[in-house]
Amino acid sequence: MSTIWDVLKETFNDALDKAEELKNLGQDKIDILQLKNKMAKNFSKLGATIYEMYNNGEDIDFDKNEKLKRMLDELKDIEKQLKEKEKKVSQI
């Protein structure tokens, strides 16, 4: 037979677990917003770089230009992180 203290202890522990879960969910949502912001900034930088190259008459070849490749790789990495976070949040 459990005492009132055992019931209170169990209820308190359940509440702590739920609070931790909600905290983690909130952090994941913040991370998603930060990744989306970072992605938007990187798209903007990529566009500005391409525009500058175009204005300077440079060849815009993504396979040959290391700077553009690096920028695209970073965008792909951010997109991967974003999808992982969104999947994690959708499963909760």
PDB file of N, CA and C in Angstrom:
ATOM      1  N   MET A   1       0.853  -1.174   0.000  1.00  0.00           N
ATOM      2  CA  MET A   1       0.000   0.000   0.000  1.00  0.00           C
ATOM      3  C   MET A   1       0.902   1.242   0.000  1.00  0.00           C
ATOM      4  N   SER A   2       0.617   2.117  -0.929  1.00  0.00           N
ATOM      5  CA  SER A   2       1.451   3.312  -1.004  1.00  0.00           C
ATOM      6  C   SER A   2       0.872   4.418  -0.139  1.00  0.00           C
ATOM      7  N   THR A   3       1.775   5.145   0.393  1.00  0.00           N
ATOM      8  CA  THR A   3       1.369   6.258   1.246  1.00  0.00           C
ATOM      9  C   THR A   3       1.129   7.487   0.383  1.00  0.00           C
ATOM     10  N   ILE A   4       0.564   8.478   1.005  1.00  0.00           N
ATOM     11  CA  ILE A   4       0.313   9.737   0.303  1.00  0.00           C
ATOM     12  C   ILE A   4       1.617  10.342  -0.179  1.00  0.00           C
ATOM     13  N   TRP A   5       2.691  10.127   0.590  1.00  0.00           N
ATOM     14  CA  TRP A   5       3.992  10.668   0.201  1.00  0.00           C
ATOM     15  C   TRP A   5       4.515   9.988  -1.055  1.00  0.00           C
ATOM     16  N   ASP A   6       4.278   8.701  -1.167  1.00  0.00           N
ATOM     17  CA  ASP A   6       4.696   7.981  -2.370  1.00  0.00           C
ATOM     18  C   ASP A   6       3.946   8.497  -3.597  1.00  0.00           C
ATOM     19  N   VAL A   7       2.663   8.739  -3.431  1.00  0.00           N
ATOM     20  CA  VAL A   7       1.847   9.263  -4.529  1.00  0.00           C
ATOM     21  C   VAL A   7       2.314  10.661  -4.909  1.00  0.00           C
ATOM     22  N   LEU A   8       2.562  11.496  -3.897  1.00  0.00           N
ATOM     23  CA  LEU A   8       3.045  12.850  -4.169  1.00  0.00           C
ATOM     24  C   LEU A   8       4.412  12.826  -4.857  1.00  0.00           C
ATOM     25  N   LYS A   9       5.281  11.940  -4.389  1.00  0.00           N
ATOM     26  CA  LYS A   9       6.610  11.824  -4.979  1.00  0.00           C
ATOM     27  C   LYS A   9       6.508  11.409  -6.444  1.00  0.00           C
ATOM     28  N   GLU A  10       5.671  10.443  -6.723  1.00  0.00           N
ATOM     29  CA  GLU A  10       5.491   9.969  -8.099  1.00  0.00           C
ATOM     30  C   GLU A  10       4.905  11.072  -8.985  1.00  0.00           C
ATOM     31  N   THR A  11       3.920  11.787  -8.467  1.00  0.00           N
ATOM     32  CA  THR A  11       3.303  12.883  -9.212  1.00  0.00           C
ATOM     33  C   THR A  11       4.316  13.987  -9.482  1.00  0.00           C
ATOM     34  N   PHE A  12       5.106  14.312  -8.481  1.00  0.00           N
ATOM     35  CA  PHE A  12       6.134  15.338  -8.630  1.00  0.00           C
ATOM     36  C   PHE A  12       7.169  14.927  -9.674  1.00  0.00           C
ATOM     37  N   ASN A  13       7.591  13.668  -9.642  1.00  0.00           N
ATOM     38  CA  ASN A  13       8.563  13.174 -10.620  1.00  0.00           C
ATOM     39  C   ASN A  13       7.988  13.197 -12.035  1.00  0.00           C
ATOM     40  N   ASP A  14       6.709  12.842 -12.172  1.00  0.00           N
ATOM     41  CA  ASP A  14       6.050  12.908 -13.480  1.00  0.00           C
ATOM     42  C   ASP A  14       6.010  14.343 -13.993  1.00  0.00           C
ATOM     43  N   ALA A  15       5.716  15.275 -13.090  1.00  0.00           N
ATOM     44  CA  ALA A  15       5.669  16.691 -13.471  1.00  0.00           C
ATOM     45  C   ALA A  15       7.052  17.182 -13.899  1.00  0.00           C
ATOM     46  N   LEU A  16       8.086  16.756 -13.192  1.00  0.00           N
ATOM     47  CA  LEU A  16       9.454  17.131 -13.565  1.00  0.00           C
ATOM     48  C   LEU A  16       9.829  16.577 -14.934  1.00  0.00           C
ATOM     49  N   ASP A  17       9.454  15.329 -15.183  1.00  0.00           N
ATOM     50  CA  ASP A  17       9.741  14.719 -16.485  1.00  0.00           C
ATOM     51  C   ASP A  17       9.046  15.477 -17.612  1.00  0.00           C
ATOM     52  N   LYS A  18       7.795  15.836 -17.389  1.00  0.00           N
ATOM     53  CA  LYS A  18       7.031  16.572 -18.401  1.00  0.00           C
ATOM     54  C   LYS A  18       7.632  17.962 -18.622  1.00  0.00           C
ATOM     55  N   ALA A  19       8.047  18.616 -17.555  1.00  0.00           N
ATOM     56  CA  ALA A  19       8.670  19.938 -17.668  1.00  0.00           C
ATOM     57  C   ALA A  19       9.966  19.845 -18.475  1.00  0.00           C
ATOM     58  N   GLU A  20      10.743  18.816 -18.239  1.00  0.00           N
ATOM     59  CA  GLU A  20      11.988  18.608 -18.985  1.00  0.00           C
ATOM     60  C   GLU A  20      11.690  18.378 -20.468  1.00  0.00           C
ATOM     61  N   GLU A  21      10.673  17.590 -20.741  1.00  0.00           N
ATOM     62  CA  GLU A  21      10.272  17.321 -22.123  1.00  0.00           C
ATOM     63  C   GLU A  21       9.841  18.611 -22.830  1.00  0.00           C
ATOM     64  N   LEU A  22       9.063  19.426 -22.142  1.00  0.00           N
ATOM     65  CA  LEU A  22       8.603  20.693 -22.722  1.00  0.00           C
ATOM     66  C   LEU A  22       9.761  21.667 -22.921  1.00  0.00           C
ATOM     67  N   LYS A  23      10.702  21.660 -21.994  1.00  0.00           N
ATOM     68  CA  LYS A  23      11.890  22.514 -22.133  1.00  0.00           C
ATOM     69  C   LYS A  23      12.677  22.116 -23.371  1.00  0.00           C
ATOM     70  N   ASN A  24      12.862  20.815 -23.564  1.00  0.00           N
ATOM     71  CA  ASN A  24      13.598  20.326 -24.728  1.00  0.00           C
ATOM     72  C   ASN A  24      12.866  20.650 -26.026  1.00  0.00           C
ATOM     73  N   LEU A  25      11.551  20.530 -26.008  1.00  0.00           N
ATOM     74  CA  LEU A  25      10.752  20.872 -27.182  1.00  0.00           C
ATOM     75  C   LEU A  25      10.904  22.356 -27.508  1.00  0.00           C
ATOM     76  N   GLY A  26      10.845  23.185 -26.492  1.00  0.00           N
ATOM     77  CA  GLY A  26      11.023  24.621 -26.684  1.00  0.00           C
ATOM     78  C   GLY A  26      12.394  24.943 -27.251  1.00  0.00           C
ATOM     79  N   GLN A  27      13.421  24.279 -26.750  1.00  0.00           N
ATOM     80  CA  GLN A  27      14.778  24.504 -27.253  1.00  0.00           C
ATOM     81  C   GLN A  27      14.895  24.064 -28.707  1.00  0.00           C
ATOM     82  N   ASP A  28      14.266  22.939 -29.041  1.00  0.00           N
ATOM     83  CA  ASP A  28      14.298  22.474 -30.428  1.00  0.00           C
ATOM     84  C   ASP A  28      13.611  23.473 -31.358  1.00  0.00           C
ATOM     85  N   LYS A  29      12.512  24.059 -30.909  1.00  0.00           N
ATOM     86  CA  LYS A  29      11.815  25.052 -31.732  1.00  0.00           C
ATOM     87  C   LYS A  29      12.662  26.311 -31.908  1.00  0.00           C
ATOM     88  N   ILE A  30      13.373  26.699 -30.863  1.00  0.00           N
ATOM     89  CA  ILE A  30      14.290  27.840 -30.970  1.00  0.00           C
ATOM     90  C   ILE A  30      15.409  27.508 -31.958  1.00  0.00           C
ATOM     91  N   ASP A  31      15.935  26.291 -31.867  1.00  0.00           N
ATOM     92  CA  ASP A  31      16.989  25.863 -32.793  1.00  0.00           C
ATOM     93  C   ASP A  31      16.500  25.911 -34.239  1.00  0.00           C
ATOM     94  N   ILE A  32      15.251  25.502 -34.463  1.00  0.00           N
ATOM     95  CA  ILE A  32      14.671  25.532 -35.810  1.00  0.00           C
ATOM     96  C   ILE A  32      14.620  26.963 -36.329  1.00  0.00           C
ATOM     97  N   LEU A  33      14.159  27.878 -35.494  1.00  0.00           N
ATOM     98  CA  LEU A  33      14.100  29.282 -35.910  1.00  0.00           C
ATOM     99  C   LEU A  33      15.491  29.829 -36.218  1.00  0.00           C
ATOM    100  N   GLN A  34      16.468  29.477 -35.403  1.00  0.00           N
ATOM    101  CA  GLN A  34      17.838  29.942 -35.630  1.00  0.00           C
ATOM    102  C   GLN A  34      18.408  29.368 -36.927  1.00  0.00           C
ATOM    103  N   LEU A  35      18.118  28.096 -37.195  1.00  0.00           N
ATOM    104  CA  LEU A  35      18.600  27.484 -38.432  1.00  0.00           C
ATOM    105  C   LEU A  35      17.941  28.119 -39.655  1.00  0.00           C
ATOM    106  N   LYS A  36      16.644  28.409 -39.557  1.00  0.00           N
ATOM    107  CA  LYS A  36      15.950  29.068 -40.669  1.00  0.00           C
ATOM    108  C   LYS A  36      16.530  30.456 -40.913  1.00  0.00           C
ATOM    109  N   ASN A  37      16.830  31.167 -39.843  1.00  0.00           N
ATOM    110  CA  ASN A  37      17.428  32.492 -39.963  1.00  0.00           C
ATOM    111  C   ASN A  37      18.818  32.400 -40.596  1.00  0.00           C
ATOM    112  N   LYS A  38      19.598  31.441 -40.142  1.00  0.00           N
ATOM    113  CA  LYS A  38      20.943  31.244 -40.687  1.00  0.00           C
ATOM    114  C   LYS A  38      20.872  30.878 -42.168  1.00  0.00           C
ATOM    115  N   MET A  39      19.901  30.051 -42.519  1.00  0.00           N
ATOM    116  CA  MET A  39      19.737  29.647 -43.910  1.00  0.00           C
ATOM    117  C   MET A  39      19.367  30.850 -44.782  1.00  0.00           C
ATOM    118  N   ALA A  40      18.467  31.680 -44.296  1.00  0.00           N
ATOM    119  CA  ALA A  40      18.061  32.873 -45.050  1.00  0.00           C
ATOM    120  C   ALA A  40      19.252  33.807 -45.262  1.00  0.00           C
ATOM    121  N   LYS A  41      20.055  33.986 -44.227  1.00  0.00           N
ATOM    122  CA  LYS A  41      21.244  34.844 -44.350  1.00  0.00           C
ATOM    123  C   LYS A  41      22.229  34.272 -45.367  1.00  0.00           C
ATOM    124  N   ASN A  42      22.409  32.954 -45.321  1.00  0.00           N
ATOM    125  CA  ASN A  42      23.346  32.329 -46.248  1.00  0.00           C
ATOM    126  C   ASN A  42      22.838  32.388 -47.690  1.00  0.00           C
ATOM    127  N   PHE A  43      21.526  32.237 -47.885  1.00  0.00           N
ATOM    128  CA  PHE A  43      20.958  32.396 -49.225  1.00  0.00           C
ATOM    129  C   PHE A  43      21.186  33.816 -49.725  1.00  0.00           C
ATOM    130  N   SER A  44      21.021  34.767 -48.841  1.00  0.00           N
ATOM    131  CA  SER A  44      21.230  36.166 -49.200  1.00  0.00           C
ATOM    132  C   SER A  44      22.689  36.411 -49.596  1.00  0.00           C
ATOM    133  N   LYS A  45      23.615  35.852 -48.812  1.00  0.00           N
ATOM    134  CA  LYS A  45      25.041  36.000 -49.130  1.00  0.00           C
ATOM    135  C   LYS A  45      25.376  35.324 -50.459  1.00  0.00           C
ATOM    136  N   LEU A  46      24.796  34.157 -50.691  1.00  0.00           N
ATOM    137  CA  LEU A  46      25.034  33.442 -51.945  1.00  0.00           C
ATOM    138  C   LEU A  46      24.532  34.269 -53.126  1.00  0.00           C
ATOM    139  N   GLY A  47      23.329  34.794 -52.994  1.00  0.00           N
ATOM    140  CA  GLY A  47      22.771  35.624 -54.057  1.00  0.00           C
ATOM    141  C   GLY A  47      23.611  36.862 -54.319  1.00  0.00           C
ATOM    142  N   ALA A  48      24.065  37.508 -53.260  1.00  0.00           N
ATOM    143  CA  ALA A  48      24.901  38.702 -53.407  1.00  0.00           C
ATOM    144  C   ALA A  48      26.228  38.356 -54.075  1.00  0.00           C
ATOM    145  N   THR A  49      26.790  37.213 -53.710  1.00  0.00           N
ATOM    146  CA  THR A  49      28.056  36.783 -54.307  1.00  0.00           C
ATOM    147  C   THR A  49      27.881  36.506 -55.798  1.00  0.00           C
ATOM    148  N   ILE A  50      26.813  35.813 -56.153  1.00  0.00           N
ATOM    149  CA  ILE A  50      26.549  35.510 -57.563  1.00  0.00           C
ATOM    150  C   ILE A  50      26.306  36.799 -58.343  1.00  0.00           C
ATOM    151  N   TYR A  51      25.553  37.702 -57.767  1.00  0.00           N
ATOM    152  CA  TYR A  51      25.276  38.980 -58.430  1.00  0.00           C
ATOM    153  C   TYR A  51      26.570  39.767 -58.648  1.00  0.00           C
ATOM    154  N   GLU A  52      27.419  39.783 -57.637  1.00  0.00           N
ATOM    155  CA  GLU A  52      28.699  40.487 -57.750  1.00  0.00           C
ATOM    156  C   GLU A  52      29.570  39.853 -58.834  1.00  0.00           C
ATOM    157  N   MET A  53      29.608  38.527 -58.866  1.00  0.00           N
ATOM    158  CA  MET A  53      30.378  37.829 -59.897  1.00  0.00           C
ATOM    159  C   MET A  53      29.829  38.152 -61.286  1.00  0.00           C
ATOM    160  N   TYR A  54      28.525  38.163 -61.410  1.00  0.00           N
ATOM    161  CA  TYR A  54      27.876  38.474 -62.687  1.00  0.00           C
ATOM    162  C   TYR A  54      28.233  39.890 -63.136  1.00  0.00           C
ATOM    163  N   ASN A  55      28.148  40.838 -62.217  1.00  0.00           N
ATOM    164  CA  ASN A  55      28.476  42.232 -62.539  1.00  0.00           C
ATOM    165  C   ASN A  55      29.938  42.413 -62.934  1.00  0.00           C
ATOM    166  N   ASN A  56      30.808  41.580 -62.369  1.00  0.00           N
ATOM    167  CA  ASN A  56      32.236  41.663 -62.684  1.00  0.00           C
ATOM    168  C   ASN A  56      32.610  40.844 -63.918  1.00  0.00           C
ATOM    169  N   GLY A  57      31.614  40.214 -64.526  1.00  0.00           N
ATOM    170  CA  GLY A  57      31.864  39.418 -65.725  1.00  0.00           C
ATOM    171  C   GLY A  57      32.546  38.092 -65.450  1.00  0.00           C
ATOM    172  N   GLU A  58      32.503  37.656 -64.206  1.00  0.00           N
ATOM    173  CA  GLU A  58      33.141  36.386 -63.848  1.00  0.00           C
ATOM    174  C   GLU A  58      32.265  35.217 -64.271  1.00  0.00           C
ATOM    175  N   ASP A  59      32.922  34.087 -64.503  1.00  0.00           N
ATOM    176  CA  ASP A  59      32.214  32.864 -64.858  1.00  0.00           C
ATOM    177  C   ASP A  59      31.576  32.281 -63.597  1.00  0.00           C
ATOM    178  N   ILE A  60      30.286  32.086 -63.650  1.00  0.00           N
ATOM    179  CA  ILE A  60      29.569  31.546 -62.488  1.00  0.00           C
ATOM    180  C   ILE A  60      29.400  30.046 -62.706  1.00  0.00           C
ATOM    181  N   ASP A  61      30.440  29.319 -62.386  1.00  0.00           N
ATOM    182  CA  ASP A  61      30.444  27.866 -62.538  1.00  0.00           C
ATOM    183  C   ASP A  61      30.578  27.252 -61.144  1.00  0.00           C
ATOM    184  N   PHE A  62      29.503  26.659 -60.681  1.00  0.00           N
ATOM    185  CA  PHE A  62      29.473  26.121 -59.323  1.00  0.00           C
ATOM    186  C   PHE A  62      30.458  24.974 -59.129  1.00  0.00           C
ATOM    187  N   ASP A  63      30.779  24.267 -60.207  1.00  0.00           N
ATOM    188  CA  ASP A  63      31.714  23.148 -60.087  1.00  0.00           C
ATOM    189  C   ASP A  63      33.163  23.613 -59.962  1.00  0.00           C
ATOM    190  N   LYS A  64      33.464  24.779 -60.518  1.00  0.00           N
ATOM    191  CA  LYS A  64      34.848  25.257 -60.529  1.00  0.00           C
ATOM    192  C   LYS A  64      35.145  26.282 -59.437  1.00  0.00           C
ATOM    193  N   ASN A  65      34.134  26.955 -58.958  1.00  0.00           N
ATOM    194  CA  ASN A  65      34.340  28.029 -57.989  1.00  0.00           C
ATOM    195  C   ASN A  65      34.229  27.477 -56.567  1.00  0.00           C
ATOM    196  N   GLU A  66      35.357  27.436 -55.872  1.00  0.00           N
ATOM    197  CA  GLU A  66      35.402  26.858 -54.518  1.00  0.00           C
ATOM    198  C   GLU A  66      34.551  27.644 -53.520  1.00  0.00           C
ATOM    199  N   LYS A  67      34.533  28.958 -53.671  1.00  0.00           N
ATOM    200  CA  LYS A  67      33.750  29.786 -52.746  1.00  0.00           C
ATOM    201  C   LYS A  67      32.264  29.449 -52.867  1.00  0.00           C
ATOM    202  N   LEU A  68      31.777  29.329 -54.095  1.00  0.00           N
ATOM    203  CA  LEU A  68      30.365  28.989 -54.298  1.00  0.00           C
ATOM    204  C   LEU A  68      30.068  27.576 -53.803  1.00  0.00           C
ATOM    205  N   LYS A  69      30.991  26.642 -54.074  1.00  0.00           N
ATOM    206  CA  LYS A  69      30.796  25.267 -53.595  1.00  0.00           C
ATOM    207  C   LYS A  69      30.701  25.228 -52.074  1.00  0.00           C
ATOM    208  N   ARG A  70      31.586  25.981 -51.420  1.00  0.00           N
ATOM    209  CA  ARG A  70      31.598  26.026 -49.953  1.00  0.00           C
ATOM    210  C   ARG A  70      30.276  26.584 -49.426  1.00  0.00           C
ATOM    211  N   MET A  71      29.798  27.647 -50.074  1.00  0.00           N
ATOM    212  CA  MET A  71      28.539  28.261 -49.642  1.00  0.00           C
ATOM    213  C   MET A  71      27.374  27.291 -49.829  1.00  0.00           C
ATOM    214  N   LEU A  72      27.358  26.578 -50.944  1.00  0.00           N
ATOM    215  CA  LEU A  72      26.294  25.604 -51.196  1.00  0.00           C
ATOM    216  C   LEU A  72      26.372  24.436 -50.214  1.00  0.00           C
ATOM    217  N   ASP A  73      27.580  23.982 -49.929  1.00  0.00           N
ATOM    218  CA  ASP A  73      27.747  22.889 -48.959  1.00  0.00           C
ATOM    219  C   ASP A  73      27.250  23.299 -47.580  1.00  0.00           C
ATOM    220  N   GLU A  74      27.526  24.543 -47.206  1.00  0.00           N
ATOM    221  CA  GLU A  74      27.055  25.032 -45.907  1.00  0.00           C
ATOM    222  C   GLU A  74      25.523  25.084 -45.880  1.00  0.00           C
ATOM    223  N   LEU A  75      24.917  25.522 -46.979  1.00  0.00           N
ATOM    224  CA  LEU A  75      23.455  25.549 -47.055  1.00  0.00           C
ATOM    225  C   LEU A  75      22.872  24.141 -46.953  1.00  0.00           C
ATOM    226  N   LYS A  76      23.507  23.184 -47.619  1.00  0.00           N
ATOM    227  CA  LYS A  76      23.043  21.793 -47.541  1.00  0.00           C
ATOM    228  C   LYS A  76      23.136  21.268 -46.109  1.00  0.00           C
ATOM    229  N   ASP A  77      24.219  21.614 -45.425  1.00  0.00           N
ATOM    230  CA  ASP A  77      24.406  21.182 -44.040  1.00  0.00           C
ATOM    231  C   ASP A  77      23.327  21.779 -43.131  1.00  0.00           C
ATOM    232  N   ILE A  78      23.051  23.059 -43.308  1.00  0.00           N
ATOM    233  CA  ILE A  78      22.010  23.713 -42.507  1.00  0.00           C
ATOM    234  C   ILE A  78      20.656  23.074 -42.795  1.00  0.00           C
ATOM    235  N   GLU A  79      20.389  22.812 -44.070  1.00  0.00           N
ATOM    236  CA  GLU A  79      19.118  22.192 -44.453  1.00  0.00           C
ATOM    237  C   GLU A  79      18.969  20.809 -43.812  1.00  0.00           C
ATOM    238  N   LYS A  80      20.054  20.050 -43.777  1.00  0.00           N
ATOM    239  CA  LYS A  80      20.031  18.724 -43.148  1.00  0.00           C
ATOM    240  C   LYS A  80      19.725  18.839 -41.654  1.00  0.00           C
ATOM    241  N   GLN A  81      20.405  19.774 -40.975  1.00  0.00           N
ATOM    242  CA  GLN A  81      20.163  19.986 -39.545  1.00  0.00           C
ATOM    243  C   GLN A  81      18.714  20.396 -39.297  1.00  0.00           C
ATOM    244  N   LEU A  82      18.208  21.268 -40.162  1.00  0.00           N
ATOM    245  CA  LEU A  82      16.843  21.760 -40.029  1.00  0.00           C
ATOM    246  C   LEU A  82      15.843  20.620 -40.176  1.00  0.00           C
ATOM    247  N   LYS A  83      16.033  19.774 -41.170  1.00  0.00           N
ATOM    248  CA  LYS A  83      15.124  18.640 -41.373  1.00  0.00           C
ATOM    249  C   LYS A  83      15.150  17.690 -40.177  1.00  0.00           C
ATOM    250  N   GLU A  84      16.347  17.458 -39.623  1.00  0.00           N
ATOM    251  CA  GLU A  84      16.461  16.578 -38.458  1.00  0.00           C
ATOM    252  C   GLU A  84      15.706  17.149 -37.257  1.00  0.00           C
ATOM    253  N   LYS A  85      15.872  18.450 -37.017  1.00  0.00           N
ATOM    254  CA  LYS A  85      15.177  19.092 -35.891  1.00  0.00           C
ATOM    255  C   LYS A  85      13.668  19.068 -36.105  1.00  0.00           C
ATOM    256  N   GLU A  86      13.226  19.377 -37.325  1.00  0.00           N
ATOM    257  CA  GLU A  86      11.787  19.393 -37.608  1.00  0.00           C
ATOM    258  C   GLU A  86      11.188  17.996 -37.463  1.00  0.00           C
ATOM    259  N   LYS A  87      11.930  16.983 -37.878  1.00  0.00           N
ATOM    260  CA  LYS A  87      11.462  15.605 -37.723  1.00  0.00           C
ATOM    261  C   LYS A  87      11.342  15.248 -36.243  1.00  0.00           C
ATOM    262  N   LYS A  88      12.347  15.651 -35.468  1.00  0.00           N
ATOM    263  CA  LYS A  88      12.343  15.379 -34.024  1.00  0.00           C
ATOM    264  C   LYS A  88      11.134  16.034 -33.355  1.00  0.00           C
ATOM    265  N   VAL A  89      10.865  17.291 -33.707  1.00  0.00           N
ATOM    266  CA  VAL A  89       9.742  18.019 -33.106  1.00  0.00           C
ATOM    267  C   VAL A  89       8.412  17.401 -33.530  1.00  0.00           C
ATOM    268  N   SER A  90       8.318  16.966 -34.778  1.00  0.00           N
ATOM    269  CA  SER A  90       7.048  16.403 -35.259  1.00  0.00           C
ATOM    270  C   SER A  90       6.732  15.057 -34.609  1.00  0.00           C
ATOM    271  N   GLN A  91       7.747  14.383 -34.088  1.00  0.00           N
ATOM    272  CA  GLN A  91       7.540  13.083 -33.450  1.00  0.00           C
ATOM    273  C   GLN A  91       7.114  13.196 -31.992  1.00  0.00           C
ATOM    274  N   ILE A  92       7.190  14.400 -31.455  1.00  0.00           N
ATOM    275  CA  ILE A  92       6.839  14.593 -30.039  1.00  0.00           C
ATOM    276  C   ILE A  92       5.347  14.802 -29.913  1.00  0.00           C
TER     277      ILE A  92
END
